[in-house]
Amino acid sequence: MKKTLILGASTNPARYAYLVANKLVRKGYPIVNVGRKIGKVAGVEIEPMGTPHQDIDTITLYVGPQNQAPYFDYILNTHPKRVIFNPGTENPELLAKLEENGIEGVEACTLVMLNTGQY
C-alpha cells in the first residue's frame, strides 16, 4: 500500500486533510501526519516538519501556495513518487521543482481519487 504523508494535517473534522487521513486509514493505507499543531488524526500523531521520511510514496498537500516555500526542501528531500496538489494548493513553482527532481506532480483531489479508485 502507498504510504502517504499528509502535509497540512489537521485535527479539525471540517478540514479536508482530516477527512483524507481517516479515509486513507479506513482503506488500509499507512499515513504520516505533518502539521503545525499537535494532536492525533486517524490514530496517528501529527508531527512537526523535521527529518524527511524516506519511505513515502505520496505526499498529499493541504498547505496553500503562499505558505509552501518553507516546505520545498522537506518535500524534495522526502523523495516521494508523487505529490498531489489538492484544490487551492496548486503552485507552478513547486510543480517545476518536483519535475526537475523526477517527482510526479498531480493536480487533483485526494478524496475524489480515493472514492473513484484512482488513488
PDB file of N, CA and C in Angstrom:
ATOM      1  N   MET A   1       0.838  -1.187   0.000  1.00  0.00           N
ATOM      2  CA  MET A   1       0.000   0.000   0.000  1.00  0.00           C
ATOM      3  C   MET A   1       0.879   1.247   0.000  1.00  0.00           C
ATOM      4  N   LYS A   2       0.398   2.270  -0.642  1.00  0.00           N
ATOM      5  CA  LYS A   2       1.141   3.511  -0.802  1.00  0.00           C
ATOM      6  C   LYS A   2       1.150   4.306   0.495  1.00  0.00           C
ATOM      7  N   LYS A   3       2.317   4.385   1.146  1.00  0.00           N
ATOM      8  CA  LYS A   3       2.427   5.182   2.363  1.00  0.00           C
ATOM      9  C   LYS A   3       2.297   6.644   1.992  1.00  0.00           C
ATOM     10  N   THR A   4       1.399   7.335   2.682  1.00  0.00           N
ATOM     11  CA  THR A   4       1.052   8.703   2.332  1.00  0.00           C
ATOM     12  C   THR A   4       1.366   9.663   3.464  1.00  0.00           C
ATOM     13  N   LEU A   5       2.023  10.746   3.114  1.00  0.00           N
ATOM     14  CA  LEU A   5       2.300  11.824   4.059  1.00  0.00           C
ATOM     15  C   LEU A   5       1.289  12.934   3.791  1.00  0.00           C
ATOM     16  N   ILE A   6       0.545  13.298   4.818  1.00  0.00           N
ATOM     17  CA  ILE A   6      -0.447  14.364   4.717  1.00  0.00           C
ATOM     18  C   ILE A   6       0.222  15.634   5.241  1.00  0.00           C
ATOM     19  N   LEU A   7       0.548  16.530   4.323  1.00  0.00           N
ATOM     20  CA  LEU A   7       1.228  17.773   4.685  1.00  0.00           C
ATOM     21  C   LEU A   7       0.185  18.855   4.872  1.00  0.00           C
ATOM     22  N   GLY A   8       0.053  19.307   6.128  1.00  0.00           N
ATOM     23  CA  GLY A   8      -1.006  20.237   6.489  1.00  0.00           C
ATOM     24  C   GLY A   8      -2.090  19.508   7.267  1.00  0.00           C
ATOM     25  N   ALA A   9      -1.700  18.422   7.951  1.00  0.00           N
ATOM     26  CA  ALA A   9      -2.648  17.623   8.731  1.00  0.00           C
ATOM     27  C   ALA A   9      -3.344  18.498   9.778  1.00  0.00           C
ATOM     28  N   SER A  10      -4.598  18.161  10.057  1.00  0.00           N
ATOM     29  CA  SER A  10      -5.403  18.961  10.973  1.00  0.00           C
ATOM     30  C   SER A  10      -6.284  18.065  11.832  1.00  0.00           C
ATOM     31  N   THR A  11      -6.499  18.485  13.074  1.00  0.00           N
ATOM     32  CA  THR A  11      -7.415  17.776  13.971  1.00  0.00           C
ATOM     33  C   THR A  11      -8.846  18.291  13.823  1.00  0.00           C
ATOM     34  N   ASN A  12      -9.069  19.264  12.953  1.00  0.00           N
ATOM     35  CA  ASN A  12     -10.386  19.854  12.744  1.00  0.00           C
ATOM     36  C   ASN A  12     -11.197  18.953  11.805  1.00  0.00           C
ATOM     37  N   PRO A  13     -12.294  18.351  12.302  1.00  0.00           N
ATOM     38  CA  PRO A  13     -13.080  17.439  11.470  1.00  0.00           C
ATOM     39  C   PRO A  13     -13.698  18.089  10.229  1.00  0.00           C
ATOM     40  N   ALA A  14     -13.727  19.403  10.159  1.00  0.00           N
ATOM     41  CA  ALA A  14     -14.277  20.092   8.985  1.00  0.00           C
ATOM     42  C   ALA A  14     -13.240  20.274   7.880  1.00  0.00           C
ATOM     43  N   ARG A  15     -11.981  19.966   8.158  1.00  0.00           N
ATOM     44  CA  ARG A  15     -10.915  20.163   7.166  1.00  0.00           C
ATOM     45  C   ARG A  15     -10.747  18.916   6.295  1.00  0.00           C
ATOM     46  N   TYR A  16     -10.438  19.152   5.019  1.00  0.00           N
ATOM     47  CA  TYR A  16     -10.252  18.038   4.093  1.00  0.00           C
ATOM     48  C   TYR A  16      -9.079  17.152   4.493  1.00  0.00           C
ATOM     49  N   ALA A  17      -8.031  17.732   5.054  1.00  0.00           N
ATOM     50  CA  ALA A  17      -6.882  16.929   5.492  1.00  0.00           C
ATOM     51  C   ALA A  17      -7.310  15.902   6.537  1.00  0.00           C
ATOM     52  N   TYR A  18      -8.207  16.282   7.414  1.00  0.00           N
ATOM     53  CA  TYR A  18      -8.739  15.388   8.439  1.00  0.00           C
ATOM     54  C   TYR A  18      -9.532  14.254   7.785  1.00  0.00           C
ATOM     55  N   LEU A  19     -10.413  14.619   6.844  1.00  0.00           N
ATOM     56  CA  LEU A  19     -11.233  13.624   6.154  1.00  0.00           C
ATOM     57  C   LEU A  19     -10.375  12.625   5.379  1.00  0.00           C
ATOM     58  N   VAL A  20      -9.350  13.136   4.706  1.00  0.00           N
ATOM     59  CA  VAL A  20      -8.465  12.271   3.928  1.00  0.00           C
ATOM     60  C   VAL A  20      -7.694  11.321   4.836  1.00  0.00           C
ATOM     61  N   ALA A  21      -7.190  11.812   5.954  1.00  0.00           N
ATOM     62  CA  ALA A  21      -6.448  10.946   6.878  1.00  0.00           C
ATOM     63  C   ALA A  21      -7.315   9.764   7.296  1.00  0.00           C
ATOM     64  N   ASN A  22      -8.539  10.045   7.663  1.00  0.00           N
ATOM     65  CA  ASN A  22      -9.430   8.978   8.108  1.00  0.00           C
ATOM     66  C   ASN A  22      -9.788   8.018   6.975  1.00  0.00           C
ATOM     67  N   LYS A  23     -10.026   8.543   5.791  1.00  0.00           N
ATOM     68  CA  LYS A  23     -10.376   7.684   4.646  1.00  0.00           C
ATOM     69  C   LYS A  23      -9.192   6.798   4.264  1.00  0.00           C
ATOM     70  N   LEU A  24      -7.978   7.364   4.249  1.00  0.00           N
ATOM     71  CA  LEU A  24      -6.796   6.567   3.927  1.00  0.00           C
ATOM     72  C   LEU A  24      -6.639   5.410   4.910  1.00  0.00           C
ATOM     73  N   VAL A  25      -6.771   5.702   6.198  1.00  0.00           N
ATOM     74  CA  VAL A  25      -6.612   4.660   7.219  1.00  0.00           C
ATOM     75  C   VAL A  25      -7.706   3.601   7.075  1.00  0.00           C
ATOM     76  N   ARG A  26      -8.949   4.031   6.837  1.00  0.00           N
ATOM     77  CA  ARG A  26     -10.042   3.073   6.656  1.00  0.00           C
ATOM     78  C   ARG A  26      -9.793   2.148   5.454  1.00  0.00           C
ATOM     79  N   LYS A  27      -9.122   2.672   4.440  1.00  0.00           N
ATOM     80  CA  LYS A  27      -8.834   1.866   3.246  1.00  0.00           C
ATOM     81  C   LYS A  27      -7.534   1.071   3.387  1.00  0.00           C
ATOM     82  N   GLY A  28      -6.869   1.197   4.536  1.00  0.00           N
ATOM     83  CA  GLY A  28      -5.686   0.388   4.800  1.00  0.00           C
ATOM     84  C   GLY A  28      -4.358   1.015   4.430  1.00  0.00           C
ATOM     85  N   TYR A  29      -4.363   2.292   4.046  1.00  0.00           N
ATOM     86  CA  TYR A  29      -3.104   2.965   3.693  1.00  0.00           C
ATOM     87  C   TYR A  29      -2.396   3.440   4.960  1.00  0.00           C
ATOM     88  N   PRO A  30      -1.095   3.196   5.078  1.00  0.00           N
ATOM     89  CA  PRO A  30      -0.340   3.773   6.192  1.00  0.00           C
ATOM     90  C   PRO A  30      -0.146   5.270   5.935  1.00  0.00           C
ATOM     91  N   ILE A  31      -0.248   6.077   6.992  1.00  0.00           N
ATOM     92  CA  ILE A  31      -0.115   7.526   6.844  1.00  0.00           C
ATOM     93  C   ILE A  31       0.895   8.096   7.816  1.00  0.00           C
ATOM     94  N   VAL A  32       1.393   9.277   7.443  1.00  0.00           N
ATOM     95  CA  VAL A  32       2.196  10.120   8.312  1.00  0.00           C
ATOM     96  C   VAL A  32       1.514  11.484   8.282  1.00  0.00           C
ATOM     97  N   ASN A  33       1.211  12.032   9.454  1.00  0.00           N
ATOM     98  CA  ASN A  33       0.608  13.354   9.550  1.00  0.00           C
ATOM     99  C   ASN A  33       1.683  14.375   9.884  1.00  0.00           C
ATOM    100  N   VAL A  34       1.793  15.420   9.068  1.00  0.00           N
ATOM    101  CA  VAL A  34       2.737  16.506   9.343  1.00  0.00           C
ATOM    102  C   VAL A  34       1.938  17.801   9.347  1.00  0.00           C
ATOM    103  N   GLY A  35       2.084  18.558  10.435  1.00  0.00           N
ATOM    104  CA  GLY A  35       1.347  19.808  10.557  1.00  0.00           C
ATOM    105  C   GLY A  35       1.944  20.708  11.616  1.00  0.00           C
ATOM    106  N   ARG A  36       1.302  21.862  11.788  1.00  0.00           N
ATOM    107  CA  ARG A  36       1.811  22.849  12.744  1.00  0.00           C
ATOM    108  C   ARG A  36       1.286  22.642  14.156  1.00  0.00           C
ATOM    109  N   LYS A  37       0.121  22.029  14.300  1.00  0.00           N
ATOM    110  CA  LYS A  37      -0.482  21.851  15.628  1.00  0.00           C
ATOM    111  C   LYS A  37      -0.346  20.407  16.068  1.00  0.00           C
ATOM    112  N   ILE A  38      -0.170  20.225  17.370  1.00  0.00           N
ATOM    113  CA  ILE A  38      -0.064  18.870  17.894  1.00  0.00           C
ATOM    114  C   ILE A  38      -1.455  18.247  17.993  1.00  0.00           C
ATOM    115  N   GLY A  39      -1.484  16.968  18.015  1.00  0.00           N
ATOM    116  CA  GLY A  39      -2.737  16.234  18.116  1.00  0.00           C
ATOM    117  C   GLY A  39      -2.619  14.922  17.398  1.00  0.00           C
ATOM    118  N   LYS A  40      -3.757  14.264  17.254  1.00  0.00           N
ATOM    119  CA  LYS A  40      -3.796  12.955  16.625  1.00  0.00           C
ATOM    120  C   LYS A  40      -4.954  12.946  15.636  1.00  0.00           C
ATOM    121  N   VAL A  41      -4.718  12.383  14.456  1.00  0.00           N
ATOM    122  CA  VAL A  41      -5.745  12.244  13.429  1.00  0.00           C
ATOM    123  C   VAL A  41      -5.710  10.807  12.927  1.00  0.00           C
ATOM    124  N   ALA A  42      -6.870  10.169  12.897  1.00  0.00           N
ATOM    125  CA  ALA A  42      -6.985   8.786  12.424  1.00  0.00           C
ATOM    126  C   ALA A  42      -6.047   7.866  13.207  1.00  0.00           C
ATOM    127  N   GLY A  43      -5.842   8.176  14.488  1.00  0.00           N
ATOM    128  CA  GLY A  43      -4.991   7.350  15.334  1.00  0.00           C
ATOM    129  C   GLY A  43      -3.507   7.576  15.166  1.00  0.00           C
ATOM    130  N   VAL A  44      -3.124   8.586  14.379  1.00  0.00           N
ATOM    131  CA  VAL A  44      -1.710   8.863  14.107  1.00  0.00           C
ATOM    132  C   VAL A  44      -1.377  10.276  14.565  1.00  0.00           C
ATOM    133  N   GLU A  45      -0.321  10.402  15.366  1.00  0.00           N
ATOM    134  CA  GLU A  45       0.101  11.713  15.859  1.00  0.00           C
ATOM    135  C   GLU A  45       0.472  12.645  14.705  1.00  0.00           C
ATOM    136  N   ILE A  46       0.187  13.928  14.882  1.00  0.00           N
ATOM    137  CA  ILE A  46       0.668  14.941  13.948  1.00  0.00           C
ATOM    138  C   ILE A  46       2.063  15.326  14.403  1.00  0.00           C
ATOM    139  N   GLU A  47       3.010  15.231  13.506  1.00  0.00           N
ATOM    140  CA  GLU A  47       4.388  15.582  13.833  1.00  0.00           C
ATOM    141  C   GLU A  47       4.762  16.885  13.136  1.00  0.00           C
ATOM    142  N   PRO A  48       5.695  17.628  13.724  1.00  0.00           N
ATOM    143  CA  PRO A  48       6.168  18.838  13.046  1.00  0.00           C
ATOM    144  C   PRO A  48       7.084  18.452  11.883  1.00  0.00           C
ATOM    145  N   MET A  49       7.252  19.385  10.964  1.00  0.00           N
ATOM    146  CA  MET A  49       8.211  19.149   9.886  1.00  0.00           C
ATOM    147  C   MET A  49       9.585  18.977  10.525  1.00  0.00           C
ATOM    148  N   GLY A  50      10.236  17.905  10.195  1.00  0.00           N
ATOM    149  CA  GLY A  50      11.549  17.626  10.763  1.00  0.00           C
ATOM    150  C   GLY A  50      12.370  16.859   9.763  1.00  0.00           C
ATOM    151  N   THR A  51      12.973  15.778  10.207  1.00  0.00           N
ATOM    152  CA  THR A  51      13.751  14.938   9.314  1.00  0.00           C
ATOM    153  C   THR A  51      12.814  14.309   8.288  1.00  0.00           C
ATOM    154  N   PRO A  52      13.123  14.443   7.011  1.00  0.00           N
ATOM    155  CA  PRO A  52      12.248  13.871   5.982  1.00  0.00           C
ATOM    156  C   PRO A  52      12.144  12.353   6.106  1.00  0.00           C
ATOM    157  N   HIS A  53      10.972  11.837   5.867  1.00  0.00           N
ATOM    158  CA  HIS A  53      10.759  10.391   5.819  1.00  0.00           C
ATOM    159  C   HIS A  53      11.328   9.881   4.503  1.00  0.00           C
ATOM    160  N   GLN A  54      11.780   8.647   4.487  1.00  0.00           N
ATOM    161  CA  GLN A  54      12.386   8.086   3.281  1.00  0.00           C
ATOM    162  C   GLN A  54      11.558   6.968   2.662  1.00  0.00           C
ATOM    163  N   ASP A  55      10.372   6.704   3.193  1.00  0.00           N
ATOM    164  CA  ASP A  55       9.564   5.592   2.713  1.00  0.00           C
ATOM    165  C   ASP A  55       8.178   6.041   2.249  1.00  0.00           C
ATOM    166  N   ILE A  56       8.083   7.265   1.747  1.00  0.00           N
ATOM    167  CA  ILE A  56       6.799   7.849   1.357  1.00  0.00           C
ATOM    168  C   ILE A  56       6.576   7.677  -0.143  1.00  0.00           C
ATOM    169  N   ASP A  57       5.418   7.149  -0.493  1.00  0.00           N
ATOM    170  CA  ASP A  57       5.034   7.046  -1.902  1.00  0.00           C
ATOM    171  C   ASP A  57       4.412   8.361  -2.368  1.00  0.00           C
ATOM    172  N   THR A  58       3.479   8.891  -1.566  1.00  0.00           N
ATOM    173  CA  THR A  58       2.697  10.051  -1.971  1.00  0.00           C
ATOM    174  C   THR A  58       2.657  11.092  -0.856  1.00  0.00           C
ATOM    175  N   ILE A  59       2.827  12.356  -1.232  1.00  0.00           N
ATOM    176  CA  ILE A  59       2.533  13.468  -0.332  1.00  0.00           C
ATOM    177  C   ILE A  59       1.262  14.097  -0.855  1.00  0.00           C
ATOM    178  N   THR A  60       0.253  14.220   0.006  1.00  0.00           N
ATOM    179  CA  THR A  60      -0.963  14.927  -0.359  1.00  0.00           C
ATOM    180  C   THR A  60      -0.927  16.265   0.367  1.00  0.00           C
ATOM    181  N   LEU A  61      -1.038  17.322  -0.407  1.00  0.00           N
ATOM    182  CA  LEU A  61      -0.729  18.672   0.060  1.00  0.00           C
ATOM    183  C   LEU A  61      -1.988  19.433   0.455  1.00  0.00           C
ATOM    184  N   TYR A  62      -1.992  19.946   1.689  1.00  0.00           N
ATOM    185  CA  TYR A  62      -3.087  20.769   2.213  1.00  0.00           C
ATOM    186  C   TYR A  62      -2.545  22.068   2.797  1.00  0.00           C
ATOM    187  N   VAL A  63      -1.536  22.617   2.153  1.00  0.00           N
ATOM    188  CA  VAL A  63      -0.937  23.898   2.545  1.00  0.00           C
ATOM    189  C   VAL A  63      -1.054  24.805   1.330  1.00  0.00           C
ATOM    190  N   GLY A  64      -1.621  25.992   1.527  1.00  0.00           N
ATOM    191  CA  GLY A  64      -1.797  26.928   0.419  1.00  0.00           C
ATOM    192  C   GLY A  64      -0.470  27.361  -0.173  1.00  0.00           C
ATOM    193  N   PRO A  65      -0.473  27.769  -1.448  1.00  0.00           N
ATOM    194  CA  PRO A  65       0.774  28.132  -2.125  1.00  0.00           C
ATOM    195  C   PRO A  65       1.539  29.252  -1.428  1.00  0.00           C
ATOM    196  N   GLN A  66       0.849  30.172  -0.792  1.00  0.00           N
ATOM    197  CA  GLN A  66       1.513  31.282  -0.108  1.00  0.00           C
ATOM    198  C   GLN A  66       2.300  30.819   1.116  1.00  0.00           C
ATOM    199  N   ASN A  67       2.043  29.596   1.591  1.00  0.00           N
ATOM    200  CA  ASN A  67       2.729  29.069   2.779  1.00  0.00           C
ATOM    201  C   ASN A  67       3.619  27.865   2.480  1.00  0.00           C
ATOM    202  N   GLN A  68       3.821  27.545   1.212  1.00  0.00           N
ATOM    203  CA  GLN A  68       4.542  26.324   0.857  1.00  0.00           C
ATOM    204  C   GLN A  68       6.061  26.442   0.829  1.00  0.00           C
ATOM    205  N   ALA A  69       6.588  27.621   0.574  1.00  0.00           N
ATOM    206  CA  ALA A  69       8.048  27.761   0.387  1.00  0.00           C
ATOM    207  C   ALA A  69       8.873  27.106   1.502  1.00  0.00           C
ATOM    208  N   PRO A  70       8.504  27.259   2.774  1.00  0.00           N
ATOM    209  CA  PRO A  70       9.317  26.611   3.822  1.00  0.00           C
ATOM    210  C   PRO A  70       9.319  25.079   3.737  1.00  0.00           C
ATOM    211  N   TYR A  71       8.397  24.507   2.989  1.00  0.00           N
ATOM    212  CA  TYR A  71       8.287  23.055   2.876  1.00  0.00           C
ATOM    213  C   TYR A  71       8.982  22.491   1.635  1.00  0.00           C
ATOM    214  N   PHE A  72       9.433  23.339   0.731  1.00  0.00           N
ATOM    215  CA  PHE A  72      10.016  22.859  -0.534  1.00  0.00           C
ATOM    216  C   PHE A  72      11.118  21.839  -0.313  1.00  0.00           C
ATOM    217  N   ASP A  73      12.128  22.183   0.473  1.00  0.00           N
ATOM    218  CA  ASP A  73      13.251  21.267   0.696  1.00  0.00           C
ATOM    219  C   ASP A  73      12.790  19.983   1.380  1.00  0.00           C
ATOM    220  N   TYR A  74      11.887  20.118   2.336  1.00  0.00           N
ATOM    221  CA  TYR A  74      11.366  18.945   3.039  1.00  0.00           C
ATOM    222  C   TYR A  74      10.692  17.992   2.055  1.00  0.00           C
ATOM    223  N   ILE A  75       9.855  18.538   1.177  1.00  0.00           N
ATOM    224  CA  ILE A  75       9.168  17.717   0.183  1.00  0.00           C
ATOM    225  C   ILE A  75      10.179  17.040  -0.745  1.00  0.00           C
ATOM    226  N   LEU A  76      11.117  17.815  -1.268  1.00  0.00           N
ATOM    227  CA  LEU A  76      12.107  17.253  -2.201  1.00  0.00           C
ATOM    228  C   LEU A  76      12.987  16.210  -1.532  1.00  0.00           C
ATOM    229  N   ASN A  77      13.375  16.442  -0.282  1.00  0.00           N
ATOM    230  CA  ASN A  77      14.248  15.506   0.434  1.00  0.00           C
ATOM    231  C   ASN A  77      13.514  14.255   0.910  1.00  0.00           C
ATOM    232  N   THR A  78      12.194  14.301   0.894  1.00  0.00           N
ATOM    233  CA  THR A  78      11.405  13.111   1.223  1.00  0.00           C
ATOM    234  C   THR A  78      11.410  12.133   0.054  1.00  0.00           C
ATOM    235  N   HIS A  79      11.635  12.636  -1.157  1.00  0.00           N
ATOM    236  CA  HIS A  79      11.701  11.811  -2.369  1.00  0.00           C
ATOM    237  C   HIS A  79      10.441  10.968  -2.595  1.00  0.00           C
ATOM    238  N   PRO A  80       9.263  11.601  -2.538  1.00  0.00           N
ATOM    239  CA  PRO A  80       8.062  10.811  -2.835  1.00  0.00           C
ATOM    240  C   PRO A  80       8.001  10.501  -4.328  1.00  0.00           C
ATOM    241  N   LYS A  81       7.169   9.546  -4.695  1.00  0.00           N
ATOM    242  CA  LYS A  81       6.957   9.270  -6.114  1.00  0.00           C
ATOM    243  C   LYS A  81       6.056  10.345  -6.725  1.00  0.00           C
ATOM    244  N   ARG A  82       5.121  10.857  -5.901  1.00  0.00           N
ATOM    245  CA  ARG A  82       4.212  11.890  -6.402  1.00  0.00           C
ATOM    246  C   ARG A  82       3.772  12.812  -5.276  1.00  0.00           C
ATOM    247  N   VAL A  83       3.356  14.006  -5.694  1.00  0.00           N
ATOM    248  CA  VAL A  83       2.763  14.984  -4.792  1.00  0.00           C
ATOM    249  C   VAL A  83       1.414  15.355  -5.389  1.00  0.00           C
ATOM    250  N   ILE A  84       0.369  15.239  -4.568  1.00  0.00           N
ATOM    251  CA  ILE A  84      -0.963  15.614  -5.015  1.00  0.00           C
ATOM    252  C   ILE A  84      -1.254  17.025  -4.528  1.00  0.00           C
ATOM    253  N   PHE A  85      -1.490  17.919  -5.489  1.00  0.00           N
ATOM    254  CA  PHE A  85      -1.893  19.292  -5.185  1.00  0.00           C
ATOM    255  C   PHE A  85      -3.419  19.299  -5.107  1.00  0.00           C
ATOM    256  N   ASN A  86      -3.955  19.303  -3.907  1.00  0.00           N
ATOM    257  CA  ASN A  86      -5.398  19.358  -3.738  1.00  0.00           C
ATOM    258  C   ASN A  86      -5.901  20.747  -4.114  1.00  0.00           C
ATOM    259  N   PRO A  87      -7.191  20.884  -4.437  1.00  0.00           N
ATOM    260  CA  PRO A  87      -7.717  22.189  -4.850  1.00  0.00           C
ATOM    261  C   PRO A  87      -7.314  23.309  -3.877  1.00  0.00           C
ATOM    262  N   GLY A  88      -6.787  24.375  -4.439  1.00  0.00           N
ATOM    263  CA  GLY A  88      -6.337  25.519  -3.646  1.00  0.00           C
ATOM    264  C   GLY A  88      -4.870  25.467  -3.266  1.00  0.00           C
ATOM    265  N   THR A  89      -4.185  24.354  -3.594  1.00  0.00           N
ATOM    266  CA  THR A  89      -2.764  24.236  -3.251  1.00  0.00           C
ATOM    267  C   THR A  89      -1.868  24.264  -4.481  1.00  0.00           C
ATOM    268  N   GLU A  90      -2.447  24.428  -5.656  1.00  0.00           N
ATOM    269  CA  GLU A  90      -1.678  24.419  -6.899  1.00  0.00           C
ATOM    270  C   GLU A  90      -0.591  25.490  -6.861  1.00  0.00           C
ATOM    271  N   ASN A  91       0.618  25.109  -7.324  1.00  0.00           N
ATOM    272  CA  ASN A  91       1.755  26.019  -7.245  1.00  0.00           C
ATOM    273  C   ASN A  91       2.736  25.694  -8.379  1.00  0.00           C
ATOM    274  N   PRO A  92       2.766  26.521  -9.435  1.00  0.00           N
ATOM    275  CA  PRO A  92       3.661  26.252 -10.567  1.00  0.00           C
ATOM    276  C   PRO A  92       5.136  26.174 -10.170  1.00  0.00           C
ATOM    277  N   GLU A  93       5.556  26.980  -9.207  1.00  0.00           N
ATOM    278  CA  GLU A  93       6.963  26.967  -8.775  1.00  0.00           C
ATOM    279  C   GLU A  93       7.321  25.615  -8.157  1.00  0.00           C
ATOM    280  N   LEU A  94       6.492  25.116  -7.260  1.00  0.00           N
ATOM    281  CA  LEU A  94       6.756  23.822  -6.640  1.00  0.00           C
ATOM    282  C   LEU A  94       6.632  22.702  -7.672  1.00  0.00           C
ATOM    283  N   LEU A  95       5.661  22.792  -8.545  1.00  0.00           N
ATOM    284  CA  LEU A  95       5.495  21.780  -9.586  1.00  0.00           C
ATOM    285  C   LEU A  95       6.756  21.678 -10.449  1.00  0.00           C
ATOM    286  N   ALA A  96       7.334  22.803 -10.802  1.00  0.00           N
ATOM    287  CA  ALA A  96       8.563  22.812 -11.609  1.00  0.00           C
ATOM    288  C   ALA A  96       9.710  22.155 -10.841  1.00  0.00           C
ATOM    289  N   LYS A  97       9.834  22.450  -9.546  1.00  0.00           N
ATOM    290  CA  LYS A  97      10.888  21.844  -8.727  1.00  0.00           C
ATOM    291  C   LYS A  97      10.710  20.327  -8.649  1.00  0.00           C
ATOM    292  N   LEU A  98       9.461  19.885  -8.521  1.00  0.00           N
ATOM    293  CA  LEU A  98       9.196  18.450  -8.476  1.00  0.00           C
ATOM    294  C   LEU A  98       9.638  17.788  -9.772  1.00  0.00           C
ATOM    295  N   GLU A  99       9.233  18.380 -10.899  1.00  0.00           N
ATOM    296  CA  GLU A  99       9.575  17.811 -12.204  1.00  0.00           C
ATOM    297  C   GLU A  99      11.083  17.763 -12.414  1.00  0.00           C
ATOM    298  N   GLU A 100      11.793  18.803 -11.968  1.00  0.00           N
ATOM    299  CA  GLU A 100      13.259  18.827 -12.075  1.00  0.00           C
ATOM    300  C   GLU A 100      13.892  17.676 -11.299  1.00  0.00           C
ATOM    301  N   ASN A 101      13.199  17.199 -10.279  1.00  0.00           N
ATOM    302  CA  ASN A 101      13.722  16.139  -9.416  1.00  0.00           C
ATOM    303  C   ASN A 101      13.078  14.784  -9.690  1.00  0.00           C
ATOM    304  N   GLY A 102      12.362  14.667 -10.799  1.00  0.00           N
ATOM    305  CA  GLY A 102      11.781  13.392 -11.179  1.00  0.00           C
ATOM    306  C   GLY A 102      10.607  12.946 -10.334  1.00  0.00           C
ATOM    307  N   ILE A 103       9.917  13.909  -9.724  1.00  0.00           N
ATOM    308  CA  ILE A 103       8.758  13.605  -8.882  1.00  0.00           C
ATOM    309  C   ILE A 103       7.506  14.050  -9.629  1.00  0.00           C
ATOM    310  N   GLU A 104       6.531  13.174  -9.687  1.00  0.00           N
ATOM    311  CA  GLU A 104       5.284  13.495 -10.376  1.00  0.00           C
ATOM    312  C   GLU A 104       4.446  14.458  -9.540  1.00  0.00           C
ATOM    313  N   GLY A 105       3.962  15.510 -10.165  1.00  0.00           N
ATOM    314  CA  GLY A 105       3.028  16.432  -9.532  1.00  0.00           C
ATOM    315  C   GLY A 105       1.661  16.233 -10.153  1.00  0.00           C
ATOM    316  N   VAL A 106       0.648  16.056  -9.317  1.00  0.00           N
ATOM    317  CA  VAL A 106      -0.706  15.786  -9.791  1.00  0.00           C
ATOM    318  C   VAL A 106      -1.643  16.831  -9.200  1.00  0.00           C
ATOM    319  N   GLU A 107      -2.365  17.555 -10.053  1.00  0.00           N
ATOM    320  CA  GLU A 107      -3.377  18.485  -9.572  1.00  0.00           C
ATOM    321  C   GLU A 107      -4.691  17.733  -9.553  1.00  0.00           C
ATOM    322  N   ALA A 108      -5.134  17.348  -8.352  1.00  0.00           N
ATOM    323  CA  ALA A 108      -6.327  16.522  -8.199  1.00  0.00           C
ATOM    324  C   ALA A 108      -6.815  16.623  -6.755  1.00  0.00           C
ATOM    325  N   CYS A 109      -7.920  15.986  -6.485  1.00  0.00           N
ATOM    326  CA  CYS A 109      -8.468  15.926  -5.131  1.00  0.00           C
ATOM    327  C   CYS A 109      -8.275  14.508  -4.605  1.00  0.00           C
ATOM    328  N   THR A 110      -7.534  14.387  -3.531  1.00  0.00           N
ATOM    329  CA  THR A 110      -7.251  13.072  -2.963  1.00  0.00           C
ATOM    330  C   THR A 110      -8.532  12.343  -2.592  1.00  0.00           C
ATOM    331  N   LEU A 111      -9.515  13.050  -2.028  1.00  0.00           N
ATOM    332  CA  LEU A 111     -10.777  12.398  -1.661  1.00  0.00           C
ATOM    333  C   LEU A 111     -11.474  11.813  -2.890  1.00  0.00           C
ATOM    334  N   VAL A 112     -11.513  12.569  -3.956  1.00  0.00           N
ATOM    335  CA  VAL A 112     -12.135  12.070  -5.194  1.00  0.00           C
ATOM    336  C   VAL A 112     -11.357  10.875  -5.723  1.00  0.00           C
ATOM    337  N   MET A 113     -10.040  10.963  -5.713  1.00  0.00           N
ATOM    338  CA  MET A 113      -9.215   9.854  -6.188  1.00  0.00           C
ATOM    339  C   MET A 113      -9.497   8.591  -5.381  1.00  0.00           C
ATOM    340  N   LEU A 114      -9.624   8.717  -4.066  1.00  0.00           N
ATOM    341  CA  LEU A 114      -9.917   7.559  -3.214  1.00  0.00           C
ATOM    342  C   LEU A 114     -11.313   7.012  -3.492  1.00  0.00           C
ATOM    343  N   ASN A 115     -12.274   7.918  -3.680  1.00  0.00           N
ATOM    344  CA  ASN A 115     -13.661   7.481  -3.890  1.00  0.00           C
ATOM    345  C   ASN A 115     -13.876   6.829  -5.258  1.00  0.00           C
ATOM    346  N   THR A 116     -13.025   7.149  -6.219  1.00  0.00           N
ATOM    347  CA  THR A 116     -13.205   6.617  -7.575  1.00  0.00           C
ATOM    348  C   THR A 116     -12.196   5.518  -7.924  1.00  0.00           C
ATOM    349  N   GLY A 117     -11.380   5.117  -6.970  1.00  0.00           N
ATOM    350  CA  GLY A 117     -10.418   4.048  -7.215  1.00  0.00           C
ATOM    351  C   GLY A 117      -9.220   4.474  -8.041  1.00  0.00           C
ATOM    352  N   GLN A 118      -8.957   5.788  -8.136  1.00  0.00           N
ATOM    353  CA  GLN A 118      -7.828   6.283  -8.918  1.00  0.00           C
ATOM    354  C   GLN A 118      -6.591   6.575  -8.078  1.00  0.00           C
ATOM    355  N   TYR A 119      -6.655   6.283  -6.782  1.00  0.00           N
ATOM    356  CA  TYR A 119      -5.539   6.623  -5.915  1.00  0.00           C
ATOM    357  C   TYR A 119      -4.371   5.698  -6.186  1.00  0.00           C
TER     358      TYR A 119
END
